[in-house]
Protein backbone atom coordinates (compact mmCIF):
# COMPACT_ATOMS: atom_id res chain seq x y z
CA MET A 1 -8.47 -2.42 -37.19
CA GLU A 2 -7.80 -3.60 -34.03
CA PRO A 3 -8.39 -1.31 -30.89
CA VAL A 4 -4.77 -0.35 -29.23
CA PRO A 5 -4.42 0.03 -25.52
CA ASN A 6 -3.52 3.39 -25.13
CA ALA A 7 -6.80 4.09 -26.47
CA THR A 8 -8.77 1.94 -23.81
CA ILE A 9 -7.04 1.91 -20.21
CA GLY A 10 -4.34 4.38 -21.11
CA GLU A 11 -6.52 7.16 -22.00
CA TYR A 12 -7.78 7.08 -18.09
CA PHE A 13 -3.85 8.43 -17.03
CA ARG A 14 -3.65 10.89 -19.75
CA ASP A 15 -4.13 13.32 -17.43
CA LEU A 16 -1.80 12.78 -14.91
CA GLU A 17 0.20 15.44 -14.02
CA ASP A 18 4.28 14.63 -14.94
CA PRO A 19 6.07 15.17 -11.79
CA ARG A 20 9.54 15.39 -13.16
CA GLN A 21 10.82 19.12 -13.59
CA ASP A 22 13.63 18.12 -16.09
CA ASN A 23 14.77 15.19 -18.27
CA LYS A 24 11.34 14.50 -19.81
CA ARG A 25 13.11 12.13 -22.38
CA HIS A 26 9.93 9.85 -22.50
CA LYS A 27 6.19 10.46 -22.08
CA LEU A 28 4.73 10.07 -18.84
CA LEU A 29 1.97 7.73 -20.68
CA ASP A 30 4.42 5.94 -22.22
CA ILE A 31 6.11 4.75 -19.13
CA VAL A 32 3.06 4.12 -17.26
CA VAL A 33 1.40 2.16 -20.20
CA ILE A 34 4.46 0.32 -20.43
CA ALA A 35 4.47 -0.51 -16.76
CA ILE A 36 0.82 -1.99 -16.71
CA CYS A 37 1.81 -4.61 -19.40
CA ALA A 38 4.83 -5.25 -17.79
CA ALA A 39 3.03 -5.68 -14.37
CA ILE A 40 0.31 -8.15 -16.47
CA CYS A 41 3.20 -9.88 -18.17
CA GLY A 42 5.18 -10.88 -14.55
CA ALA A 43 7.06 -7.87 -13.84
CA ASP A 44 7.63 -7.57 -10.63
CA GLY A 45 10.07 -4.45 -10.40
CA TRP A 46 11.55 -1.63 -12.73
CA ARG A 47 14.60 -3.64 -13.64
CA ASP A 48 11.48 -6.45 -14.98
CA VAL A 49 9.75 -3.49 -16.16
CA GLU A 50 12.67 -2.39 -18.02
CA LEU A 51 13.89 -6.24 -19.19
CA PHE A 52 10.25 -6.44 -20.18
CA GLY A 53 9.62 -2.91 -22.31
CA HIS A 54 13.11 -4.03 -24.56
CA ALA A 55 11.71 -7.57 -25.37
CA LYS A 56 8.36 -6.13 -26.65
CA HIS A 57 9.63 -2.83 -27.92
CA ASP A 58 8.19 -3.10 -31.47
CA TRP A 59 4.94 -4.16 -30.14
CA LEU A 60 5.16 -1.07 -27.85
CA LYS A 61 5.98 1.13 -30.50
CA SER A 62 3.04 0.39 -32.81
CA PHE A 63 0.77 2.32 -30.15
CA LEU A 64 2.87 4.15 -28.29
CA GLU A 65 5.41 7.17 -29.29
CA LEU A 66 8.53 6.01 -27.45
CA PRO A 67 10.34 9.15 -29.15
CA HIS A 68 13.80 8.18 -27.09
CA GLY A 69 13.46 4.36 -27.12
CA ILE A 70 12.66 2.04 -23.94
CA PRO A 71 13.24 4.02 -20.58
CA SER A 72 15.68 2.59 -17.82
CA HIS A 73 14.47 0.77 -14.53
CA ASP A 74 16.06 3.99 -13.13
CA THR A 75 13.59 6.29 -14.61
CA PHE A 76 10.69 3.94 -14.06
CA GLY A 77 11.71 3.80 -10.75
CA ARG A 78 12.14 7.70 -10.07
CA VAL A 79 8.94 8.33 -12.15
CA PHE A 80 6.67 6.34 -10.02
CA ALA A 81 8.37 7.31 -6.77
CA LEU A 82 7.16 11.10 -7.91
CA LEU A 83 4.08 10.43 -9.21
CA ASN A 84 1.37 11.64 -6.66
CA ALA A 85 0.03 8.38 -5.73
CA GLU A 86 -3.74 9.75 -4.84
CA LYS A 87 -4.41 10.81 -8.10
CA PHE A 88 -2.92 7.67 -9.63
CA GLU A 89 -5.32 5.85 -7.40
CA ALA A 90 -7.98 8.10 -8.72
CA CYS A 91 -7.31 7.40 -12.37
CA PHE A 92 -7.71 3.67 -11.56
CA ARG A 93 -10.80 4.20 -9.43
CA GLU A 94 -12.22 6.17 -12.84
CA TRP A 95 -10.88 3.35 -15.01
CA VAL A 96 -13.11 0.69 -12.82
CA GLN A 97 -16.14 2.72 -12.66
CA ALA A 98 -15.94 2.51 -16.44
CA VAL A 99 -15.90 -0.66 -17.30
CA GLU A 100 -17.27 -1.90 -14.70
CA GLU A 101 -21.10 -0.91 -12.98
CA LEU A 102 -21.64 -2.97 -9.79
CA SER A 103 -25.37 -4.20 -9.67
CA GLU A 104 -28.05 -4.42 -6.87
CA GLY A 105 -27.07 -5.91 -3.67
CA GLN A 106 -23.62 -7.00 -4.36
CA ILE A 107 -21.26 -7.74 -1.88
CA VAL A 108 -18.24 -5.21 -1.37
CA ALA A 109 -15.83 -5.95 0.59
CA ILE A 110 -13.30 -3.64 2.66
CA ASP A 111 -10.35 -5.11 4.07
CA GLY A 112 -6.44 -4.23 4.43
CA LYS A 113 -2.84 -5.49 3.87
CA THR A 114 0.85 -4.46 4.80
CA LEU A 115 3.07 -5.04 2.48
CA ARG A 116 5.55 -6.36 4.44
CA ARG A 117 8.91 -5.29 2.80
CA SER A 118 7.62 -1.70 1.97
CA HIS A 119 9.44 -0.45 5.35
CA ASP A 120 12.68 1.64 4.91
CA ARG A 121 14.13 1.79 9.09
CA ALA A 122 16.98 3.64 7.96
CA ASN A 123 14.41 6.94 7.31
CA GLY A 124 11.78 5.87 9.61
CA LYS A 125 9.31 4.51 6.97
CA ALA A 126 7.01 2.22 8.23
CA ALA A 127 5.46 -0.55 6.17
CA LEU A 128 2.98 0.47 3.42
CA HIS A 129 -0.45 -0.15 4.88
CA MET A 130 -3.14 -0.55 1.46
CA LEU A 131 -7.13 -0.43 2.35
CA SER A 132 -8.84 -2.69 -0.44
CA ALA A 133 -12.34 -2.35 -1.76
CA TRP A 134 -13.24 -6.02 -3.36
CA ALA A 135 -16.86 -6.24 -5.59
CA SER A 136 -17.30 -9.72 -5.57
CA GLU A 137 -19.73 -10.88 -8.34
CA ASN A 138 -17.33 -8.51 -10.50
CA GLY A 139 -14.31 -10.11 -9.22
CA LEU A 140 -12.56 -6.78 -9.70
CA VAL A 141 -10.88 -4.35 -6.83
CA ILE A 142 -13.01 -1.13 -7.28
CA GLY A 143 -10.81 1.31 -5.13
CA GLN A 144 -7.96 1.41 -2.31
CA LEU A 145 -6.26 3.60 -0.31
CA LYS A 146 -3.24 4.17 1.21
CA VAL A 147 -3.25 4.19 5.43
CA ASP A 148 -1.89 6.59 6.82
CA GLU A 149 1.34 6.12 9.39
CA GLN A 150 -0.38 8.05 12.01
CA THR A 151 -3.84 6.88 12.10
CA ASN A 152 -5.22 3.00 11.17
CA GLU A 153 -8.16 1.31 9.30
CA ILE A 154 -10.99 2.90 11.85
CA THR A 155 -9.97 6.20 9.91
CA ALA A 156 -9.27 5.04 6.70
CA ILE A 157 -12.44 3.19 5.92
CA PRO A 158 -14.63 6.19 6.14
CA GLN A 159 -12.28 7.84 3.44
CA LEU A 160 -12.26 5.01 0.77
CA LEU A 161 -15.67 4.55 0.90
CA ASP A 162 -16.55 8.35 -0.15
CA MET A 163 -14.59 7.30 -3.20
CA LEU A 164 -16.61 4.43 -4.25
CA GLN A 165 -20.40 4.34 -5.73
CA ILE A 166 -21.60 1.88 -3.66
CA ASN A 167 -25.60 2.53 -3.33
CA GLY A 168 -27.34 -0.24 -3.09
CA CYS A 169 -24.66 -2.67 -2.42
CA ILE A 170 -24.13 -4.54 0.19
CA VAL A 171 -21.08 -4.03 2.31
CA THR A 172 -19.06 -6.28 4.05
CA ILE A 173 -16.29 -5.13 7.30
CA ASP A 174 -14.38 -7.16 9.47
CA ALA A 175 -14.48 -6.43 13.07
CA ILE A 176 -12.13 -3.22 12.97
CA GLY A 177 -14.93 -1.89 11.13
CA CYS A 178 -17.44 -2.15 13.41
CA GLN A 179 -18.07 1.10 14.33
CA SER A 180 -21.00 3.56 14.56
CA GLU A 181 -19.48 6.01 12.47
CA ILE A 182 -18.76 3.66 10.03
CA ALA A 183 -22.19 2.16 9.83
CA ALA A 184 -23.50 5.69 9.56
CA CYS A 185 -21.21 6.13 6.59
CA ILE A 186 -22.20 3.29 4.59
CA ILE A 187 -26.50 4.55 5.01
CA ASP A 188 -25.86 7.49 4.56
CA GLN A 189 -24.39 6.15 0.71
CA GLN A 190 -27.35 4.60 0.14
CA ALA A 191 -25.86 0.88 0.84
CA ASP A 192 -26.25 -1.76 3.52
CA TYR A 193 -23.89 -3.29 5.97
CA VAL A 194 -22.84 -6.67 7.39
CA LEU A 195 -20.12 -5.91 10.45
CA THR A 196 -18.68 -8.56 12.26
CA VAL A 197 -18.58 -8.08 16.44
CA LYS A 198 -15.55 -9.04 18.48
CA GLU A 199 -14.59 -7.95 21.35
CA ASN A 200 -13.52 -4.66 20.35
CA GLN A 201 -17.46 -3.91 20.87
CA SER A 202 -17.37 -5.92 24.09
CA ARG A 203 -20.98 -4.77 25.29
CA LEU A 204 -22.40 -5.51 22.26
CA HIS A 205 -20.45 -8.77 21.75
CA GLN A 206 -21.91 -9.84 24.88
CA ALA A 207 -25.13 -9.05 23.89
CA LEU A 208 -25.06 -10.96 20.99
CA GLU A 209 -23.21 -13.96 22.89
CA ASP A 210 -25.99 -13.99 25.59
CA LEU A 211 -29.03 -13.74 23.22
CA PHE A 212 -27.43 -16.61 20.77
CA ASP A 213 -25.61 -18.88 23.27
CA ASN A 214 -28.90 -19.51 24.68
CA ALA A 215 -31.12 -22.28 22.66
CA GLU A 216 -33.92 -21.90 25.37
CA GLU A 217 -33.78 -17.78 24.42
CA LEU A 218 -33.95 -18.71 20.65
CA ASN A 219 -37.21 -20.41 21.61
CA TRP A 220 -38.87 -17.53 22.03
CA ILE A 221 -38.11 -14.64 19.58
CA ARG A 222 -38.79 -14.77 15.60
CA TYR A 223 -35.49 -16.11 13.51
CA SER A 224 -34.33 -16.91 10.47
CA HIS A 225 -32.06 -19.91 9.98
CA HIS A 226 -29.93 -21.06 7.10
CA GLN A 227 -27.44 -24.19 6.60
CA THR A 228 -24.81 -24.92 3.90
CA ILE A 229 -22.88 -28.29 4.31
CA GLN A 230 -19.71 -28.47 2.20
CA LYS A 231 -17.43 -31.58 1.69
CA ASP A 232 -13.80 -31.38 0.18
CA HIS A 233 -10.37 -33.14 0.66
CA GLY A 234 -11.90 -35.44 3.28
CA ARG A 235 -13.13 -32.33 5.36
CA ILE A 236 -16.45 -31.70 6.05
CA GLU A 237 -17.52 -28.10 7.14
CA VAL A 238 -21.39 -27.02 8.31
CA ARG A 239 -22.51 -23.59 8.63
CA GLN A 240 -25.39 -22.66 10.32
CA CYS A 241 -26.62 -18.62 10.61
CA TRP A 242 -29.47 -17.69 12.77
CA SER A 243 -30.40 -14.27 12.57
CA THR A 244 -33.45 -12.05 13.99
CA SER A 245 -35.37 -8.41 13.55
CA ASP A 246 -37.35 -8.90 16.74
CA ALA A 247 -37.48 -5.92 17.59
CA ALA A 248 -37.30 -6.77 21.19
CA TYR A 249 -34.22 -7.99 21.05
CA LEU A 250 -32.67 -5.54 18.92
CA ASP A 251 -33.22 -3.24 21.84
CA TYR A 252 -31.86 -5.59 24.34
CA ILE A 253 -28.38 -5.22 22.75
CA GLY A 254 -28.40 -1.67 25.00
CA ASN A 255 -27.23 0.79 22.84
CA LEU A 256 -29.40 0.34 19.16
CA SER A 257 -29.97 4.20 19.05
CA ASP A 258 -25.58 3.96 18.52
CA TRP A 259 -26.06 2.26 15.11
CA GLN A 260 -27.66 3.83 11.88
CA GLY A 261 -29.98 1.56 10.29
CA LEU A 262 -29.43 -1.27 12.46
CA HIS A 263 -31.84 -4.16 11.70
CA SER A 264 -30.78 -7.16 12.27
CA ILE A 265 -28.24 -9.32 14.36
CA ALA A 266 -26.79 -12.73 13.74
CA MET A 267 -24.90 -15.64 14.54
CA ILE A 268 -22.92 -17.83 12.08
CA GLN A 269 -21.70 -21.50 13.40
CA SER A 270 -19.34 -23.13 11.48
CA GLU A 271 -18.65 -27.26 12.61
CA ARG A 272 -15.65 -28.21 10.79
CA CYS A 273 -14.42 -32.03 10.86
CA VAL A 274 -11.75 -33.28 9.59
CA GLY A 275 -11.17 -37.26 10.47
CA GLN A 276 -11.96 -38.06 14.27
CA ASP A 277 -11.38 -34.13 14.80
CA THR A 278 -14.22 -31.38 15.32
CA THR A 279 -14.07 -27.66 16.19
CA ILE A 280 -16.86 -25.29 16.46
CA GLN A 281 -16.23 -21.39 15.71
CA ARG A 282 -19.22 -19.10 16.70
CA ARG A 283 -19.31 -15.48 15.06
CA TYR A 284 -21.22 -12.61 15.46
CA PHE A 285 -22.91 -9.90 13.27
CA ILE A 286 -25.52 -6.73 13.17
CA SER A 287 -26.91 -5.48 9.61
CA SER A 288 -29.15 -2.67 8.36
CA LEU A 289 -30.51 -5.54 5.83
CA GLN A 290 -33.97 -7.12 7.41
CA SER A 291 -33.54 -10.78 8.78
CA ASN A 292 -32.43 -13.14 6.18
CA ALA A 293 -30.08 -16.29 7.36
CA GLN A 294 -29.44 -17.07 3.84
CA GLN A 295 -28.79 -13.97 2.46
CA LEU A 296 -26.23 -12.87 5.56
CA LEU A 297 -24.16 -16.41 5.62
CA ARG A 298 -23.87 -15.45 1.80
CA ALA A 299 -22.44 -11.91 2.19
CA VAL A 300 -20.22 -13.21 5.35
CA ARG A 301 -18.79 -16.32 2.82
CA SER A 302 -18.02 -13.93 -0.01
CA HIS A 303 -16.38 -11.60 2.56
CA TRP A 304 -13.35 -13.65 2.31
CA GLU A 305 -12.81 -13.57 -1.14
CA ILE A 306 -10.82 -10.45 -0.68
CA GLU A 307 -8.26 -12.66 1.04
CA ASN A 308 -8.22 -15.62 -1.08
CA LYS A 309 -9.12 -13.85 -4.77
CA VAL A 310 -6.93 -10.28 -3.80
CA HIS A 311 -4.74 -10.82 -0.64
CA TRP A 312 -3.34 -14.50 -1.15
CA VAL A 313 -2.84 -13.42 -5.04
CA LEU A 314 -1.10 -10.74 -4.84
CA ASP A 315 1.11 -12.43 -2.27
CA ILE A 316 2.01 -15.67 -4.02
CA THR A 317 1.53 -14.54 -7.51
CA PHE A 318 2.61 -11.17 -7.91
CA GLN A 319 5.24 -11.58 -4.99
CA GLU A 320 3.94 -8.00 -3.10
CA ASP A 321 4.76 -9.08 0.41
CA ALA A 322 8.51 -9.65 -1.38
CA SER A 323 8.88 -6.45 -3.28
CA ARG A 324 11.78 -4.22 -1.62
CA VAL A 325 10.17 -0.85 -3.61
CA ARG A 326 10.73 1.83 -1.42
CA LYS A 327 11.39 5.50 -2.53
CA GLY A 328 9.14 8.11 -2.01
CA ASN A 329 5.37 7.35 -3.68
CA ALA A 330 6.82 4.21 -5.57
CA PRO A 331 5.31 1.52 -2.99
CA GLN A 332 2.05 2.73 -3.00
CA ASN A 333 2.03 3.60 -6.84
CA LEU A 334 3.47 -0.23 -7.51
CA ALA A 335 0.21 -1.60 -5.31
CA VAL A 336 -1.71 0.21 -7.61
CA LEU A 337 -0.40 -1.14 -10.98
CA ARG A 338 -0.41 -4.78 -9.48
CA ARG A 339 -4.32 -4.29 -8.74
CA ILE A 340 -4.77 -2.76 -12.21
CA ALA A 341 -3.07 -5.77 -13.98
CA LEU A 342 -4.92 -8.14 -11.42
CA ASN A 343 -8.15 -6.76 -12.59
CA LEU A 344 -7.26 -6.86 -16.48
CA LEU A 345 -6.61 -10.53 -15.55
CA ARG A 346 -9.75 -11.29 -14.09
CA ARG A 347 -12.14 -9.80 -16.80
CA GLU A 348 -9.94 -11.67 -19.43
CA ARG A 349 -12.36 -14.86 -19.18
CA THR A 350 -11.58 -16.75 -22.79
CA ALA A 351 -8.37 -18.57 -21.42
CA LYS A 352 -9.25 -21.30 -18.70
CA CYS A 353 -6.51 -20.86 -16.36
CA SER A 354 -4.88 -19.55 -13.40
CA ILE A 355 -3.91 -15.93 -12.78
CA ARG A 356 0.07 -16.94 -13.02
CA ALA A 357 -0.65 -18.90 -15.92
CA LYS A 358 -2.45 -16.21 -17.57
CA ARG A 359 0.55 -13.77 -16.98
CA LEU A 360 2.88 -16.11 -18.68
CA LYS A 361 0.90 -16.59 -21.60
CA ALA A 362 0.34 -12.62 -21.96
CA GLY A 363 4.05 -12.51 -21.94
CA TRP A 364 4.42 -14.89 -24.51
CA ASP A 365 1.69 -13.96 -26.71
CA ASN A 366 1.03 -10.29 -27.84
CA ASP A 367 -2.40 -11.18 -29.08
CA TYR A 368 -3.60 -12.25 -26.03
CA LEU A 369 -1.67 -9.80 -24.22
CA LEU A 370 -3.68 -7.39 -26.49
CA LYS A 371 -7.15 -8.83 -25.09
CA VAL A 372 -6.37 -8.64 -21.62
CA LEU A 373 -5.26 -4.97 -22.24
CA ILE A 374 -8.46 -3.80 -24.35
CA GLY A 375 -11.16 -5.94 -21.91
């Protein structure tokens, strides 16, 4: 007998507390599972979810109760506006942790994204900003957290890290996360870090710049070097990484004691040639890893997957930035639905096509949709 969706992903949402005080004609689990299925198949709003439900009524009825048929779009909107967003996200994380185990040394990238049209000016509500964690090897979003309007990512990053099981992983964060408290939080969880250093850490940035931009200075230290060359569509990009764990030069950065577990510093130079035009960019990093230029370059390159494989896909394929869902907790909960759908689509690897094509295929083919749902 084929396993059914509510016996797999649905079981992780069974214990959600129903926020409705009355008018509970439709089961909460039915509402959640229909919304997940609809998000997989291309629904980007509550009207789309209702239309999907009616189109797939017979198939959905085979494993859901649906005592009063398919809920209206108003019901979907009302329930997700009221549903406790933190608990919904916790169910999402519990599901990811149950179905995927993070391997030793895996890159976990942390980055934020603003849902541009989720703002509600009439009620003084700013656009929603979500912080996500991406596991590069698994190819999954493993957690997300809303950044409170009164704070910023610096405050939210430790909160997200505390929710994740990242021991043995390598956490990468852009410059805003280059904070001694965040480094300490990562080390406390028995993980490693690679943090980008920019002008927001002016003394540290200047020290690294003085060291790595001076070719003569590099002759005096023990360093690791690695280079990659990428050619694509008339573009040549040469990336080089220099790193060192030389104790004298770690002391040179001045405030070494502030950075728990710091064992290496690095520079990555990207030289990009398009036709006759050449641009060179240099970036600087600190890490709890021992000096290994190849490993550090891989970690930094993997970090940008969260932009290309998560944020870009959510914007282009799931139309996240265009969404005008704004009431209550609905924007946050819809963001979770999109990431559940994205994870499920990425876990399904038999169809060799884009995420957009997989959404279409799932909408057309019930057997394929079932395959996506049960992993």
